[in-house]
Amino acid sequence: MSLVLRNLQRAVPVRRGRLRRRMETVRRILGVQKFDLGIVCVDNRSIQRINRIYREKNIPTDVLSFPFHENIKAGELPQPDFQDDYNLGDIFLGVEYIFQQCEGDEDYYDVLTVTATHGLCHLLGFTHSTEAEWQKMYQKEKQVLEELSRHTGTRLQPLSRGLF
C-alpha cells in the first residue's frame, strides 16, 4: 500500500525523497508495507496546536502519532477484515522542533528517520508509559534501526533511549 509524505511547513527544508526511501525500508523491516501510512511534516506552531488539542500540552514536540487501529498489543500487526482497514494511521513530525534539537554534527535526516520510526512504533501499539513498556519499545526501535543502519551505512540510535 502507500506511504503518503506531506510537507505542510516552510520553516526548514525537507527532502521528502530521502525520508521516503528510509521509511519504506523501515516499513519492510517491520512487515507493514501492505498498510497505508501518512507522515505529515509541520512547523512548531502546528505541532504545538495539535499537541494542545490532543494531549493538553501547549508546547511544540517532535512527533505525534494517531493510530488507525486502537488497542493493538505491542508487536502485533493489525488484522483488518476489509481492504479499507489496511491503514496504520498518521505520524506528525514537528520538523522545525526536530531541526532545533539537533546537536553538533547530528544529521537532520537521521534524526527525522529515528523520530518517524519512533512514531511508527507507536502506531503498532508500542508505548513508554512504564519501564516495562519502554523496554519493549526500546528493543523494537533498536532492532529496526540496526537493520536500517546496515542498509544505509548509518549508526542510528532509538529515540526512546534513556527515557527510563
N, C-alpha and C. Protein backbone atom coordinates (compact mmCIF):
# COMPACT_ATOMS: atom_id res chain seq x y z
N MET A 1 0.84 -1.17 0.00
CA MET A 1 0.00 0.00 0.00
C MET A 1 0.89 1.24 0.00
N SER A 2 0.32 2.37 0.30
CA SER A 2 1.06 3.60 0.05
C SER A 2 1.59 4.27 1.31
N LEU A 3 2.65 4.99 1.09
CA LEU A 3 3.21 5.89 2.09
C LEU A 3 2.99 7.29 1.56
N VAL A 4 2.17 8.07 2.27
CA VAL A 4 1.90 9.45 1.88
C VAL A 4 2.74 10.33 2.78
N LEU A 5 3.60 11.13 2.16
CA LEU A 5 4.50 12.02 2.89
C LEU A 5 4.22 13.45 2.46
N ARG A 6 3.69 14.26 3.39
CA ARG A 6 3.32 15.64 3.07
C ARG A 6 4.16 16.59 3.87
N ASN A 7 4.57 17.67 3.25
CA ASN A 7 5.31 18.73 3.93
C ASN A 7 4.42 19.97 3.96
N LEU A 8 3.87 20.28 5.14
CA LEU A 8 2.93 21.40 5.26
C LEU A 8 3.57 22.60 5.94
N GLN A 9 4.88 22.71 5.87
CA GLN A 9 5.57 23.82 6.53
C GLN A 9 6.69 24.34 5.63
N ARG A 10 7.17 25.53 5.98
CA ARG A 10 8.26 26.14 5.22
C ARG A 10 9.39 26.61 6.13
N ALA A 11 9.34 26.24 7.40
CA ALA A 11 10.34 26.71 8.37
C ALA A 11 11.71 26.10 8.11
N VAL A 12 11.75 24.82 7.74
CA VAL A 12 13.01 24.13 7.48
C VAL A 12 12.86 23.27 6.22
N PRO A 13 13.94 23.07 5.49
CA PRO A 13 13.84 22.25 4.28
C PRO A 13 13.64 20.77 4.62
N VAL A 14 12.83 20.12 3.81
CA VAL A 14 12.62 18.68 3.95
C VAL A 14 12.73 18.05 2.56
N ARG A 15 13.73 17.20 2.40
CA ARG A 15 13.84 16.43 1.15
C ARG A 15 13.05 15.14 1.35
N ARG A 16 11.84 15.17 0.83
CA ARG A 16 10.93 14.07 1.07
C ARG A 16 11.42 12.75 0.49
N GLY A 17 12.12 12.78 -0.62
CA GLY A 17 12.59 11.55 -1.24
C GLY A 17 13.51 10.75 -0.33
N ARG A 18 14.39 11.42 0.34
CA ARG A 18 15.34 10.76 1.25
C ARG A 18 14.60 10.12 2.43
N LEU A 19 13.68 10.88 3.04
CA LEU A 19 12.90 10.35 4.16
C LEU A 19 11.99 9.22 3.68
N ARG A 20 11.39 9.38 2.52
CA ARG A 20 10.51 8.34 1.97
C ARG A 20 11.26 7.03 1.77
N ARG A 21 12.45 7.07 1.18
CA ARG A 21 13.22 5.84 0.95
C ARG A 21 13.52 5.13 2.26
N ARG A 22 13.93 5.91 3.25
CA ARG A 22 14.26 5.30 4.54
C ARG A 22 13.01 4.71 5.21
N MET A 23 11.91 5.42 5.14
CA MET A 23 10.70 4.92 5.80
C MET A 23 10.09 3.74 5.06
N GLU A 24 10.29 3.66 3.76
CA GLU A 24 9.86 2.46 3.02
C GLU A 24 10.66 1.26 3.51
N THR A 25 11.95 1.45 3.76
CA THR A 25 12.78 0.37 4.29
C THR A 25 12.32 -0.01 5.69
N VAL A 26 12.03 0.97 6.53
CA VAL A 26 11.54 0.70 7.89
C VAL A 26 10.23 -0.09 7.82
N ARG A 27 9.35 0.28 6.92
CA ARG A 27 8.08 -0.45 6.77
C ARG A 27 8.33 -1.91 6.39
N ARG A 28 9.30 -2.14 5.49
CA ARG A 28 9.63 -3.52 5.11
C ARG A 28 10.19 -4.29 6.30
N ILE A 29 11.08 -3.66 7.06
CA ILE A 29 11.67 -4.31 8.23
C ILE A 29 10.58 -4.71 9.22
N LEU A 30 9.61 -3.85 9.42
CA LEU A 30 8.52 -4.11 10.36
C LEU A 30 7.42 -5.02 9.77
N GLY A 31 7.48 -5.26 8.48
CA GLY A 31 6.48 -6.11 7.83
C GLY A 31 5.13 -5.45 7.66
N VAL A 32 5.13 -4.12 7.50
CA VAL A 32 3.86 -3.39 7.38
C VAL A 32 3.72 -2.66 6.04
N GLN A 33 4.45 -3.13 5.03
CA GLN A 33 4.38 -2.46 3.74
C GLN A 33 3.03 -2.61 3.06
N LYS A 34 2.18 -3.53 3.54
CA LYS A 34 0.83 -3.70 2.97
C LYS A 34 -0.14 -2.65 3.49
N PHE A 35 0.29 -1.88 4.50
CA PHE A 35 -0.59 -0.91 5.15
C PHE A 35 -0.29 0.50 4.68
N ASP A 36 -1.35 1.30 4.54
CA ASP A 36 -1.17 2.73 4.27
C ASP A 36 -0.60 3.41 5.50
N LEU A 37 0.19 4.45 5.26
CA LEU A 37 0.79 5.23 6.33
C LEU A 37 0.91 6.67 5.87
N GLY A 38 0.52 7.59 6.73
CA GLY A 38 0.67 9.02 6.45
C GLY A 38 1.73 9.62 7.36
N ILE A 39 2.63 10.39 6.77
CA ILE A 39 3.62 11.15 7.53
C ILE A 39 3.48 12.60 7.11
N VAL A 40 3.22 13.48 8.09
CA VAL A 40 2.97 14.88 7.81
C VAL A 40 4.01 15.71 8.55
N CYS A 41 4.74 16.53 7.81
CA CYS A 41 5.76 17.41 8.37
C CYS A 41 5.15 18.78 8.63
N VAL A 42 5.26 19.25 9.89
CA VAL A 42 4.66 20.52 10.28
C VAL A 42 5.66 21.37 11.07
N ASP A 43 5.34 22.65 11.19
CA ASP A 43 6.21 23.58 11.92
C ASP A 43 5.84 23.59 13.41
N ASN A 44 6.56 24.38 14.20
CA ASN A 44 6.33 24.44 15.64
C ASN A 44 4.91 24.88 16.00
N ARG A 45 4.42 25.88 15.31
CA ARG A 45 3.08 26.38 15.61
C ARG A 45 2.03 25.29 15.43
N SER A 46 2.13 24.55 14.35
CA SER A 46 1.14 23.50 14.06
C SER A 46 1.25 22.33 15.02
N ILE A 47 2.47 21.87 15.30
CA ILE A 47 2.63 20.72 16.20
C ILE A 47 2.21 21.10 17.62
N GLN A 48 2.45 22.36 18.00
CA GLN A 48 2.02 22.83 19.32
C GLN A 48 0.50 22.83 19.41
N ARG A 49 -0.17 23.29 18.37
CA ARG A 49 -1.63 23.31 18.35
C ARG A 49 -2.19 21.89 18.45
N ILE A 50 -1.63 20.96 17.69
CA ILE A 50 -2.09 19.57 17.72
C ILE A 50 -1.82 18.96 19.10
N ASN A 51 -0.66 19.24 19.65
CA ASN A 51 -0.29 18.74 20.97
C ASN A 51 -1.24 19.28 22.04
N ARG A 52 -1.61 20.55 21.93
CA ARG A 52 -2.54 21.17 22.89
C ARG A 52 -3.92 20.52 22.79
N ILE A 53 -4.40 20.30 21.58
CA ILE A 53 -5.74 19.75 21.38
C ILE A 53 -5.82 18.29 21.84
N TYR A 54 -4.84 17.46 21.48
CA TYR A 54 -4.94 16.03 21.72
C TYR A 54 -4.25 15.55 22.99
N ARG A 55 -3.27 16.30 23.50
CA ARG A 55 -2.56 15.85 24.70
C ARG A 55 -2.63 16.87 25.83
N GLU A 56 -3.29 17.99 25.56
CA GLU A 56 -3.41 19.07 26.54
C GLU A 56 -2.04 19.56 27.02
N LYS A 57 -1.09 19.58 26.10
CA LYS A 57 0.24 20.12 26.37
C LYS A 57 0.49 21.24 25.37
N ASN A 58 0.60 22.45 25.87
CA ASN A 58 0.71 23.62 25.00
C ASN A 58 2.17 23.94 24.69
N ILE A 59 2.86 22.96 24.14
CA ILE A 59 4.27 23.13 23.75
C ILE A 59 4.51 22.37 22.45
N PRO A 60 5.49 22.82 21.67
CA PRO A 60 5.85 22.04 20.48
C PRO A 60 6.52 20.72 20.90
N THR A 61 6.47 19.76 20.04
CA THR A 61 7.09 18.46 20.30
C THR A 61 7.64 17.89 19.00
N ASP A 62 8.31 16.76 19.09
CA ASP A 62 8.94 16.18 17.90
C ASP A 62 8.01 15.31 17.08
N VAL A 63 7.16 14.52 17.74
CA VAL A 63 6.32 13.57 16.99
C VAL A 63 5.03 13.29 17.74
N LEU A 64 3.96 13.20 16.97
CA LEU A 64 2.65 12.78 17.48
C LEU A 64 2.11 11.71 16.54
N SER A 65 1.62 10.62 17.10
CA SER A 65 1.11 9.51 16.30
C SER A 65 -0.37 9.31 16.56
N PHE A 66 -1.11 9.08 15.48
CA PHE A 66 -2.55 8.87 15.56
C PHE A 66 -2.88 7.55 14.87
N PRO A 67 -3.03 6.47 15.67
CA PRO A 67 -3.26 5.15 15.07
C PRO A 67 -4.65 5.00 14.47
N PHE A 68 -4.72 4.28 13.38
CA PHE A 68 -6.00 3.93 12.76
C PHE A 68 -6.67 2.82 13.57
N HIS A 69 -5.86 1.86 14.02
CA HIS A 69 -6.36 0.73 14.82
C HIS A 69 -6.05 0.99 16.28
N GLU A 70 -7.06 0.86 17.12
CA GLU A 70 -6.86 1.05 18.55
C GLU A 70 -6.71 -0.30 19.23
N ASN A 71 -6.10 -0.28 20.39
CA ASN A 71 -5.95 -1.47 21.24
C ASN A 71 -5.10 -2.56 20.60
N ILE A 72 -4.13 -2.18 19.80
CA ILE A 72 -3.17 -3.15 19.27
C ILE A 72 -2.14 -3.42 20.36
N LYS A 73 -1.81 -4.67 20.59
CA LYS A 73 -0.78 -5.01 21.55
C LYS A 73 0.58 -4.82 20.89
N ALA A 74 1.53 -4.33 21.66
CA ALA A 74 2.87 -4.07 21.14
C ALA A 74 3.42 -5.33 20.47
N GLY A 75 3.86 -5.15 19.24
CA GLY A 75 4.46 -6.26 18.50
C GLY A 75 3.48 -7.04 17.63
N GLU A 76 2.20 -6.77 17.77
CA GLU A 76 1.20 -7.46 16.94
C GLU A 76 0.77 -6.55 15.81
N LEU A 77 0.59 -7.12 14.63
CA LEU A 77 0.11 -6.34 13.50
C LEU A 77 -1.41 -6.33 13.48
N PRO A 78 -1.99 -5.25 12.97
CA PRO A 78 -3.45 -5.23 12.82
C PRO A 78 -3.90 -6.36 11.90
N GLN A 79 -5.09 -6.87 12.14
CA GLN A 79 -5.68 -7.93 11.33
C GLN A 79 -6.97 -7.41 10.69
N PRO A 80 -6.82 -6.61 9.63
CA PRO A 80 -8.01 -5.98 9.03
C PRO A 80 -8.93 -6.99 8.35
N ASP A 81 -10.24 -6.70 8.46
CA ASP A 81 -11.24 -7.53 7.80
C ASP A 81 -11.55 -7.02 6.39
N PHE A 82 -11.31 -5.72 6.17
CA PHE A 82 -11.66 -5.10 4.91
C PHE A 82 -10.45 -4.37 4.32
N GLN A 83 -10.44 -4.25 3.00
CA GLN A 83 -9.33 -3.58 2.31
C GLN A 83 -9.12 -2.15 2.82
N ASP A 84 -10.19 -1.44 3.09
CA ASP A 84 -10.08 -0.05 3.56
C ASP A 84 -9.45 0.05 4.95
N ASP A 85 -9.35 -1.05 5.67
CA ASP A 85 -8.78 -1.03 7.01
C ASP A 85 -7.27 -1.31 7.01
N TYR A 86 -6.67 -1.44 5.83
CA TYR A 86 -5.22 -1.61 5.74
C TYR A 86 -4.55 -0.24 5.85
N ASN A 87 -4.65 0.31 7.04
CA ASN A 87 -4.14 1.65 7.31
C ASN A 87 -3.55 1.62 8.72
N LEU A 88 -2.35 2.16 8.89
CA LEU A 88 -1.74 2.22 10.21
C LEU A 88 -2.11 3.49 10.96
N GLY A 89 -2.29 4.58 10.21
CA GLY A 89 -2.59 5.86 10.83
C GLY A 89 -1.66 6.94 10.32
N ASP A 90 -1.52 8.00 11.10
CA ASP A 90 -0.73 9.16 10.69
C ASP A 90 0.30 9.53 11.75
N ILE A 91 1.44 9.98 11.26
CA ILE A 91 2.52 10.47 12.11
C ILE A 91 2.73 11.93 11.75
N PHE A 92 2.69 12.80 12.75
CA PHE A 92 3.00 14.22 12.55
C PHE A 92 4.40 14.46 13.09
N LEU A 93 5.28 14.91 12.22
CA LEU A 93 6.65 15.23 12.61
C LEU A 93 6.78 16.73 12.78
N GLY A 94 7.20 17.16 13.95
CA GLY A 94 7.49 18.57 14.20
C GLY A 94 8.88 18.87 13.69
N VAL A 95 9.01 19.02 12.37
CA VAL A 95 10.33 19.11 11.75
C VAL A 95 11.11 20.35 12.19
N GLU A 96 10.42 21.45 12.45
CA GLU A 96 11.12 22.64 12.94
C GLU A 96 11.69 22.37 14.33
N TYR A 97 10.90 21.76 15.18
CA TYR A 97 11.35 21.40 16.53
C TYR A 97 12.53 20.42 16.45
N ILE A 98 12.40 19.40 15.60
CA ILE A 98 13.46 18.40 15.43
C ILE A 98 14.75 19.08 14.97
N PHE A 99 14.63 19.97 14.00
CA PHE A 99 15.80 20.69 13.48
C PHE A 99 16.47 21.49 14.60
N GLN A 100 15.66 22.16 15.43
CA GLN A 100 16.20 22.97 16.53
C GLN A 100 16.87 22.12 17.60
N GLN A 101 16.45 20.85 17.73
CA GLN A 101 17.00 19.97 18.75
C GLN A 101 18.27 19.24 18.30
N CYS A 102 18.56 19.26 17.01
CA CYS A 102 19.76 18.59 16.51
C CYS A 102 20.99 19.22 17.16
N GLU A 103 21.90 18.36 17.60
CA GLU A 103 23.10 18.84 18.28
C GLU A 103 24.34 18.54 17.45
N GLY A 104 25.27 19.49 17.48
CA GLY A 104 26.59 19.28 16.87
C GLY A 104 26.53 18.76 15.46
N ASP A 105 27.12 17.60 15.27
CA ASP A 105 27.22 17.03 13.93
C ASP A 105 26.10 16.03 13.63
N GLU A 106 25.00 16.05 14.43
CA GLU A 106 23.87 15.17 14.15
C GLU A 106 23.29 15.48 12.78
N ASP A 107 23.04 14.44 12.01
CA ASP A 107 22.44 14.61 10.70
C ASP A 107 20.92 14.74 10.86
N TYR A 108 20.39 15.85 10.37
CA TYR A 108 18.97 16.17 10.47
C TYR A 108 18.11 15.03 9.92
N TYR A 109 18.49 14.44 8.79
CA TYR A 109 17.69 13.37 8.19
C TYR A 109 17.78 12.08 8.98
N ASP A 110 18.91 11.86 9.65
CA ASP A 110 18.99 10.70 10.56
C ASP A 110 18.01 10.89 11.71
N VAL A 111 17.97 12.09 12.28
CA VAL A 111 17.07 12.36 13.39
C VAL A 111 15.61 12.28 12.93
N LEU A 112 15.31 12.79 11.75
CA LEU A 112 13.95 12.65 11.20
C LEU A 112 13.56 11.18 11.07
N THR A 113 14.48 10.37 10.57
CA THR A 113 14.22 8.95 10.38
C THR A 113 13.97 8.26 11.72
N VAL A 114 14.82 8.53 12.69
CA VAL A 114 14.66 7.94 14.02
C VAL A 114 13.32 8.36 14.64
N THR A 115 12.98 9.63 14.49
CA THR A 115 11.74 10.15 15.07
C THR A 115 10.52 9.54 14.38
N ALA A 116 10.55 9.42 13.07
CA ALA A 116 9.45 8.81 12.33
C ALA A 116 9.32 7.33 12.69
N THR A 117 10.44 6.65 12.88
CA THR A 117 10.42 5.24 13.29
C THR A 117 9.78 5.10 14.67
N HIS A 118 10.11 6.01 15.57
CA HIS A 118 9.51 6.03 16.90
C HIS A 118 7.99 6.19 16.78
N GLY A 119 7.56 7.13 15.93
CA GLY A 119 6.14 7.34 15.71
C GLY A 119 5.46 6.12 15.14
N LEU A 120 6.13 5.43 14.22
CA LEU A 120 5.57 4.22 13.62
C LEU A 120 5.43 3.11 14.67
N CYS A 121 6.39 3.01 15.57
CA CYS A 121 6.28 2.03 16.65
C CYS A 121 5.05 2.32 17.52
N HIS A 122 4.78 3.60 17.75
CA HIS A 122 3.56 3.95 18.50
C HIS A 122 2.31 3.49 17.75
N LEU A 123 2.30 3.63 16.42
CA LEU A 123 1.14 3.17 15.64
C LEU A 123 0.96 1.66 15.75
N LEU A 124 2.04 0.96 16.07
CA LEU A 124 1.99 -0.50 16.19
C LEU A 124 1.81 -0.96 17.63
N GLY A 125 1.35 -0.05 18.49
CA GLY A 125 0.99 -0.43 19.85
C GLY A 125 2.07 -0.27 20.90
N PHE A 126 3.26 0.15 20.51
CA PHE A 126 4.33 0.33 21.49
C PHE A 126 4.15 1.66 22.22
N THR A 127 4.41 1.64 23.52
CA THR A 127 4.34 2.86 24.32
C THR A 127 5.53 2.89 25.27
N HIS A 128 5.63 3.97 26.02
CA HIS A 128 6.72 4.07 27.00
C HIS A 128 6.24 4.73 28.28
N SER A 129 5.03 4.34 28.71
CA SER A 129 4.45 4.89 29.94
C SER A 129 5.05 4.27 31.19
N THR A 130 5.44 3.01 31.10
CA THR A 130 6.08 2.33 32.23
C THR A 130 7.44 1.83 31.78
N GLU A 131 8.26 1.43 32.73
CA GLU A 131 9.59 0.93 32.36
C GLU A 131 9.50 -0.34 31.53
N ALA A 132 8.54 -1.22 31.84
CA ALA A 132 8.38 -2.47 31.07
C ALA A 132 7.95 -2.17 29.63
N GLU A 133 7.01 -1.24 29.46
CA GLU A 133 6.58 -0.84 28.11
C GLU A 133 7.73 -0.19 27.36
N TRP A 134 8.46 0.68 28.05
CA TRP A 134 9.60 1.35 27.44
C TRP A 134 10.63 0.32 26.95
N GLN A 135 10.89 -0.68 27.77
CA GLN A 135 11.89 -1.71 27.41
C GLN A 135 11.50 -2.39 26.10
N LYS A 136 10.22 -2.75 25.96
CA LYS A 136 9.74 -3.38 24.72
C LYS A 136 9.91 -2.44 23.53
N MET A 137 9.52 -1.19 23.73
CA MET A 137 9.60 -0.23 22.63
C MET A 137 11.05 0.03 22.26
N TYR A 138 11.89 0.20 23.26
CA TYR A 138 13.31 0.45 23.01
C TYR A 138 13.92 -0.70 22.21
N GLN A 139 13.63 -1.93 22.61
CA GLN A 139 14.19 -3.09 21.91
C GLN A 139 13.71 -3.15 20.46
N LYS A 140 12.44 -2.83 20.22
CA LYS A 140 11.92 -2.85 18.85
C LYS A 140 12.58 -1.76 18.01
N GLU A 141 12.64 -0.54 18.55
CA GLU A 141 13.30 0.55 17.83
C GLU A 141 14.76 0.19 17.53
N LYS A 142 15.43 -0.34 18.51
CA LYS A 142 16.85 -0.71 18.35
C LYS A 142 17.02 -1.74 17.23
N GLN A 143 16.18 -2.77 17.25
CA GLN A 143 16.27 -3.82 16.22
C GLN A 143 16.03 -3.24 14.82
N VAL A 144 14.99 -2.42 14.69
CA VAL A 144 14.65 -1.83 13.39
C VAL A 144 15.76 -0.90 12.92
N LEU A 145 16.25 -0.05 13.80
CA LEU A 145 17.27 0.93 13.41
C LEU A 145 18.61 0.29 13.12
N GLU A 146 18.92 -0.81 13.81
CA GLU A 146 20.16 -1.54 13.49
C GLU A 146 20.09 -2.12 12.08
N GLU A 147 18.95 -2.69 11.75
CA GLU A 147 18.80 -3.24 10.40
C GLU A 147 18.81 -2.13 9.35
N LEU A 148 18.13 -1.04 9.62
CA LEU A 148 18.15 0.10 8.70
C LEU A 148 19.57 0.64 8.54
N SER A 149 20.31 0.71 9.63
CA SER A 149 21.69 1.20 9.58
C SER A 149 22.56 0.33 8.67
N ARG A 150 22.31 -0.97 8.67
CA ARG A 150 23.06 -1.86 7.77
C ARG A 150 22.78 -1.52 6.30
N HIS A 151 21.55 -1.10 6.01
CA HIS A 151 21.17 -0.74 4.64
C HIS A 151 21.71 0.62 4.23
N THR A 152 21.81 1.54 5.19
CA THR A 152 22.15 2.93 4.86
C THR A 152 23.57 3.33 5.22
N GLY A 153 24.27 2.48 5.99
CA GLY A 153 25.62 2.82 6.41
C GLY A 153 25.67 3.87 7.51
N THR A 154 24.56 4.02 8.24
CA THR A 154 24.49 4.99 9.33
C THR A 154 24.55 4.25 10.66
N ARG A 155 24.55 4.99 11.74
CA ARG A 155 24.52 4.40 13.09
C ARG A 155 23.39 5.07 13.86
N LEU A 156 22.19 4.63 13.60
CA LEU A 156 21.00 5.25 14.18
C LEU A 156 20.69 4.64 15.55
N GLN A 157 20.35 5.51 16.50
CA GLN A 157 20.03 5.09 17.87
C GLN A 157 18.55 5.38 18.15
N PRO A 158 17.90 4.53 18.95
CA PRO A 158 16.47 4.74 19.25
C PRO A 158 16.20 6.08 19.94
N LEU A 159 15.09 6.68 19.57
CA LEU A 159 14.66 7.92 20.20
C LEU A 159 14.34 7.68 21.68
N SER A 160 13.87 6.48 21.99
CA SER A 160 13.44 6.18 23.35
C SER A 160 14.60 5.82 24.28
N ARG A 161 15.83 5.85 23.80
CA ARG A 161 16.95 5.50 24.69
C ARG A 161 17.02 6.53 25.83
N GLY A 162 17.27 6.03 27.00
CA GLY A 162 17.44 6.91 28.15
C GLY A 162 16.16 7.48 28.74
N LEU A 163 14.99 6.99 28.33
CA LEU A 163 13.74 7.51 28.89
C LEU A 163 13.54 7.03 30.33
N PHE A 164 14.05 5.83 30.63
CA PHE A 164 13.92 5.31 32.00
C PHE A 164 15.29 5.02 32.55
